[in-house]
């Protein structure tokens, strides 16, 4: 009798597992598709947001490049001006010494 009960329990367990697998797989796939669709919608929003932020960063980098170029030009001009003033002072000092 124990063998019969064990066989019945094992059979019931196998049937239960097969049923859960047969019903669970389509449910899991449907849920996965639902999640994919939801995140795909979010992805487009996130992607648009990231693109706009990237555009703003590129614009700021361009502005910074222009500012650095202007600072470099100003620095070069100042250096040339100081060098010319130094040369003039040197010439004036040489004339005074003579």
N, C-alpha and C. Protein backbone atom coordinates (compact mmCIF):
# COMPACT_ATOMS: atom_id res chain seq x y z
N UNK A 1 0.81 -1.18 0.00
CA UNK A 1 0.00 0.00 0.00
C UNK A 1 0.86 1.26 0.00
N UNK A 2 1.97 1.23 0.68
CA UNK A 2 2.84 2.40 0.75
C UNK A 2 3.40 2.70 -0.63
N UNK A 3 3.72 1.67 -1.40
CA UNK A 3 4.26 1.87 -2.74
C UNK A 3 3.22 2.54 -3.62
N UNK A 4 1.95 2.12 -3.49
CA UNK A 4 0.89 2.72 -4.28
C UNK A 4 0.72 4.20 -3.93
N UNK A 5 0.77 4.53 -2.64
CA UNK A 5 0.64 5.93 -2.20
C UNK A 5 1.82 6.76 -2.69
N UNK A 6 3.01 6.19 -2.63
CA UNK A 6 4.20 6.89 -3.11
C UNK A 6 4.10 7.15 -4.62
N UNK A 7 3.65 6.16 -5.37
CA UNK A 7 3.50 6.32 -6.82
C UNK A 7 2.45 7.37 -7.13
N UNK A 8 1.36 7.37 -6.36
CA UNK A 8 0.32 8.37 -6.55
C UNK A 8 0.83 9.77 -6.25
N UNK A 9 1.59 9.93 -5.18
CA UNK A 9 2.16 11.24 -4.83
C UNK A 9 3.16 11.72 -5.89
N UNK A 10 3.98 10.80 -6.35
CA UNK A 10 4.97 11.17 -7.38
C UNK A 10 4.26 11.58 -8.67
N UNK A 11 3.23 10.83 -9.04
CA UNK A 11 2.46 11.15 -10.24
C UNK A 11 1.78 12.51 -10.09
N UNK A 12 1.18 12.75 -8.93
CA UNK A 12 0.52 14.03 -8.68
C UNK A 12 1.55 15.16 -8.72
N UNK A 13 2.72 14.93 -8.19
CA UNK A 13 3.78 15.95 -8.21
C UNK A 13 4.23 16.25 -9.63
N UNK A 14 4.43 15.22 -10.43
CA UNK A 14 4.85 15.41 -11.82
C UNK A 14 3.77 16.18 -12.59
N UNK A 15 2.51 15.79 -12.40
CA UNK A 15 1.41 16.48 -13.08
C UNK A 15 1.38 17.95 -12.65
N UNK A 16 1.57 18.21 -11.38
CA UNK A 16 1.56 19.58 -10.87
C UNK A 16 2.70 20.39 -11.49
N UNK A 17 3.89 19.84 -11.51
CA UNK A 17 5.05 20.54 -12.07
C UNK A 17 4.85 20.82 -13.55
N UNK A 18 4.34 19.83 -14.30
CA UNK A 18 4.10 20.01 -15.73
C UNK A 18 3.04 21.08 -15.95
N UNK A 19 2.00 21.07 -15.14
CA UNK A 19 0.93 22.07 -15.27
C UNK A 19 1.46 23.47 -14.99
N UNK A 20 2.22 23.61 -13.93
CA UNK A 20 2.78 24.91 -13.58
C UNK A 20 3.71 25.40 -14.70
N UNK A 21 4.53 24.49 -15.21
CA UNK A 21 5.44 24.86 -16.29
C UNK A 21 4.67 25.24 -17.54
N UNK A 22 3.63 24.49 -17.85
CA UNK A 22 2.85 24.75 -19.07
C UNK A 22 2.10 26.08 -18.97
N UNK A 23 1.59 26.39 -17.79
CA UNK A 23 0.86 27.64 -17.62
C UNK A 23 1.78 28.80 -17.26
N UNK A 24 2.82 28.50 -16.57
CA UNK A 24 3.71 29.56 -16.10
C UNK A 24 4.57 30.19 -17.19
N UNK A 25 5.01 29.37 -18.13
CA UNK A 25 5.89 29.90 -19.18
C UNK A 25 5.20 30.98 -20.01
N UNK A 26 3.98 30.74 -20.52
CA UNK A 26 3.33 31.82 -21.28
C UNK A 26 3.07 33.06 -20.43
N UNK A 27 2.73 32.85 -19.17
CA UNK A 27 2.51 33.99 -18.29
C UNK A 27 3.81 34.78 -18.09
N UNK A 28 4.89 34.08 -17.90
CA UNK A 28 6.18 34.74 -17.72
C UNK A 28 6.59 35.48 -18.99
N UNK A 29 6.37 34.86 -20.15
CA UNK A 29 6.71 35.53 -21.41
C UNK A 29 5.86 36.77 -21.62
N UNK A 30 4.57 36.69 -21.30
CA UNK A 30 3.69 37.85 -21.44
C UNK A 30 4.13 38.98 -20.51
N UNK A 31 4.49 38.63 -19.30
CA UNK A 31 4.95 39.64 -18.34
C UNK A 31 6.27 40.26 -18.82
N UNK A 32 7.15 39.44 -19.38
CA UNK A 32 8.42 39.95 -19.89
C UNK A 32 8.17 40.91 -21.05
N UNK A 33 7.26 40.59 -21.94
CA UNK A 33 6.93 41.48 -23.06
C UNK A 33 6.35 42.80 -22.55
N UNK A 34 5.52 42.71 -21.52
CA UNK A 34 4.93 43.91 -20.94
C UNK A 34 6.03 44.82 -20.38
N UNK A 35 6.97 44.21 -19.67
CA UNK A 35 8.08 44.99 -19.12
C UNK A 35 8.94 45.61 -20.22
N UNK A 36 9.20 44.82 -21.27
CA UNK A 36 10.00 45.33 -22.38
C UNK A 36 9.32 46.54 -23.02
N UNK A 37 8.01 46.44 -23.21
CA UNK A 37 7.27 47.55 -23.82
C UNK A 37 7.32 48.79 -22.94
N UNK A 38 7.20 48.59 -21.64
CA UNK A 38 7.23 49.72 -20.71
C UNK A 38 8.59 50.40 -20.73
N UNK A 39 9.65 49.60 -20.69
CA UNK A 39 10.99 50.18 -20.67
C UNK A 39 11.39 50.74 -22.03
N UNK A 40 10.79 50.21 -23.10
CA UNK A 40 11.07 50.77 -24.41
C UNK A 40 10.51 52.18 -24.50
N UNK A 41 9.31 52.39 -23.95
CA UNK A 41 8.74 53.73 -23.91
C UNK A 41 9.61 54.65 -23.08
N UNK A 42 10.08 54.17 -21.96
CA UNK A 42 10.95 54.97 -21.11
C UNK A 42 12.28 55.24 -21.80
N UNK A 43 12.76 54.26 -22.55
CA UNK A 43 14.03 54.43 -23.24
C UNK A 43 13.97 55.59 -24.21
N UNK A 44 12.87 55.74 -24.94
CA UNK A 44 12.78 56.83 -25.90
C UNK A 44 12.79 58.18 -25.17
N UNK A 45 12.12 58.26 -24.02
CA UNK A 45 12.14 59.49 -23.24
C UNK A 45 13.53 59.76 -22.70
N UNK A 46 14.16 58.74 -22.17
CA UNK A 46 15.50 58.89 -21.62
C UNK A 46 16.48 59.24 -22.74
N UNK A 47 16.32 58.61 -23.89
CA UNK A 47 17.21 58.88 -25.01
C UNK A 47 17.08 60.33 -25.47
N UNK A 48 15.85 60.82 -25.55
CA UNK A 48 15.63 62.22 -25.95
C UNK A 48 16.24 63.16 -24.92
N UNK A 49 16.09 62.83 -23.65
CA UNK A 49 16.67 63.64 -22.60
C UNK A 49 18.19 63.66 -22.69
N UNK A 50 18.78 62.50 -22.90
CA UNK A 50 20.23 62.42 -23.01
C UNK A 50 20.75 63.16 -24.24
N UNK A 51 20.02 63.07 -25.34
CA UNK A 51 20.43 63.79 -26.55
C UNK A 51 20.40 65.30 -26.33
N UNK A 52 19.36 65.78 -25.66
CA UNK A 52 19.29 67.22 -25.40
C UNK A 52 20.41 67.66 -24.46
N UNK A 53 20.71 66.83 -23.46
CA UNK A 53 21.80 67.16 -22.54
C UNK A 53 23.14 67.14 -23.26
N UNK A 54 23.30 66.16 -24.16
CA UNK A 54 24.54 66.08 -24.93
C UNK A 54 24.70 67.30 -25.83
N UNK A 55 23.62 67.72 -26.45
CA UNK A 55 23.66 68.94 -27.28
C UNK A 55 24.05 70.16 -26.47
N UNK A 56 23.48 70.27 -25.27
CA UNK A 56 23.82 71.41 -24.40
C UNK A 56 25.29 71.35 -24.00
N UNK A 57 25.80 70.16 -23.69
CA UNK A 57 27.21 70.03 -23.32
C UNK A 57 28.12 70.38 -24.49
N UNK A 58 27.76 69.95 -25.69
CA UNK A 58 28.57 70.28 -26.87
C UNK A 58 28.59 71.78 -27.09
N UNK A 59 27.46 72.43 -26.89
CA UNK A 59 27.39 73.89 -27.04
C UNK A 59 28.27 74.58 -26.00
N UNK A 60 28.23 74.10 -24.77
CA UNK A 60 29.06 74.68 -23.72
C UNK A 60 30.54 74.46 -24.00
N UNK A 61 30.89 73.30 -24.52
CA UNK A 61 32.29 73.03 -24.86
C UNK A 61 32.74 73.98 -25.96
N UNK A 62 31.89 74.22 -26.95
CA UNK A 62 32.23 75.16 -28.02
C UNK A 62 32.43 76.57 -27.45
N UNK A 63 31.55 76.97 -26.54
CA UNK A 63 31.71 78.28 -25.90
C UNK A 63 33.02 78.35 -25.12
N UNK A 64 33.34 77.28 -24.41
CA UNK A 64 34.59 77.26 -23.65
C UNK A 64 35.80 77.33 -24.58
N UNK A 65 35.73 76.66 -25.71
CA UNK A 65 36.83 76.73 -26.68
C UNK A 65 37.03 78.15 -27.16
N UNK A 66 35.91 78.83 -27.48
CA UNK A 66 36.00 80.23 -27.92
C UNK A 66 36.61 81.10 -26.83
N UNK A 67 36.18 80.89 -25.60
CA UNK A 67 36.70 81.70 -24.50
C UNK A 67 38.19 81.44 -24.29
N UNK A 68 38.60 80.18 -24.36
CA UNK A 68 40.02 79.85 -24.20
C UNK A 68 40.83 80.49 -25.32
N UNK A 69 40.31 80.46 -26.54
CA UNK A 69 41.00 81.08 -27.67
C UNK A 69 41.13 82.59 -27.44
N UNK A 70 40.06 83.22 -26.97
CA UNK A 70 40.11 84.66 -26.70
C UNK A 70 41.13 84.97 -25.59
N UNK A 71 41.13 84.15 -24.55
CA UNK A 71 42.09 84.37 -23.46
C UNK A 71 43.51 84.19 -23.97
N UNK A 72 43.73 83.21 -24.83
CA UNK A 72 45.06 82.97 -25.38
C UNK A 72 45.49 84.15 -26.25
N UNK A 73 44.58 84.65 -27.08
CA UNK A 73 44.91 85.80 -27.91
C UNK A 73 45.22 87.03 -27.05
N UNK A 74 44.43 87.22 -26.02
CA UNK A 74 44.67 88.36 -25.11
C UNK A 74 46.01 88.21 -24.42
N UNK A 75 46.32 87.01 -24.00
CA UNK A 75 47.60 86.75 -23.34
C UNK A 75 48.77 87.01 -24.29
N UNK A 76 48.64 86.54 -25.52
CA UNK A 76 49.70 86.78 -26.49
C UNK A 76 49.87 88.26 -26.77
N UNK A 77 48.75 88.99 -26.91
CA UNK A 77 48.82 90.42 -27.13
C UNK A 77 49.50 91.12 -25.96
N UNK A 78 49.12 90.74 -24.75
CA UNK A 78 49.71 91.34 -23.56
C UNK A 78 51.21 91.05 -23.49
N UNK A 79 51.57 89.83 -23.82
CA UNK A 79 52.99 89.46 -23.81
C UNK A 79 53.76 90.28 -24.82
N UNK A 80 53.22 90.43 -26.02
CA UNK A 80 53.89 91.24 -27.05
C UNK A 80 53.98 92.70 -26.62
N UNK A 81 52.91 93.20 -26.02
CA UNK A 81 52.91 94.59 -25.56
C UNK A 81 53.95 94.80 -24.48
N UNK A 82 54.01 93.88 -23.51
CA UNK A 82 55.01 94.00 -22.45
C UNK A 82 56.43 93.89 -23.02
N UNK A 83 56.64 93.02 -23.99
CA UNK A 83 57.95 92.86 -24.60
C UNK A 83 58.36 94.14 -25.33
N UNK A 84 57.41 94.72 -26.05
CA UNK A 84 57.73 95.97 -26.75
C UNK A 84 58.02 97.09 -25.76
N UNK A 85 57.28 97.15 -24.67
CA UNK A 85 57.53 98.17 -23.63
C UNK A 85 58.91 97.96 -23.00
N UNK A 86 59.25 96.70 -22.78
CA UNK A 86 60.56 96.39 -22.19
C UNK A 86 61.68 96.81 -23.15
N UNK A 87 61.48 96.55 -24.43
CA UNK A 87 62.49 96.97 -25.42
C UNK A 87 62.61 98.48 -25.46
N UNK A 88 61.50 99.19 -25.41
CA UNK A 88 61.54 100.66 -25.40
C UNK A 88 62.28 101.16 -24.17
N UNK A 89 61.98 100.56 -23.02
CA UNK A 89 62.66 100.99 -21.80
C UNK A 89 64.16 100.72 -21.89
N UNK A 90 64.51 99.59 -22.47
CA UNK A 90 65.93 99.25 -22.63
C UNK A 90 66.60 100.26 -23.55
N UNK A 91 65.93 100.64 -24.66
CA UNK A 91 66.48 101.64 -25.59
C UNK A 91 66.62 102.99 -24.90
N UNK A 92 65.62 103.35 -24.10
CA UNK A 92 65.67 104.64 -23.40
C UNK A 92 66.83 104.65 -22.40
N UNK A 93 67.00 103.55 -21.67
CA UNK A 93 68.09 103.45 -20.71
C UNK A 93 69.44 103.52 -21.39
N UNK A 94 69.57 102.89 -22.57
CA UNK A 94 70.83 102.92 -23.31
C UNK A 94 71.12 104.34 -23.80
N UNK A 95 70.10 105.05 -24.23
CA UNK A 95 70.29 106.43 -24.69
C UNK A 95 70.70 107.33 -23.54
N UNK A 96 70.11 107.09 -22.36
CA UNK A 96 70.43 107.91 -21.20
C UNK A 96 71.87 107.67 -20.74
N UNK A 97 72.32 106.44 -20.89
CA UNK A 97 73.68 106.11 -20.46
C UNK A 97 74.71 106.77 -21.38
N UNK A 98 74.37 107.02 -22.61
CA UNK A 98 75.33 107.60 -23.54
C UNK A 98 75.41 109.04 -23.35
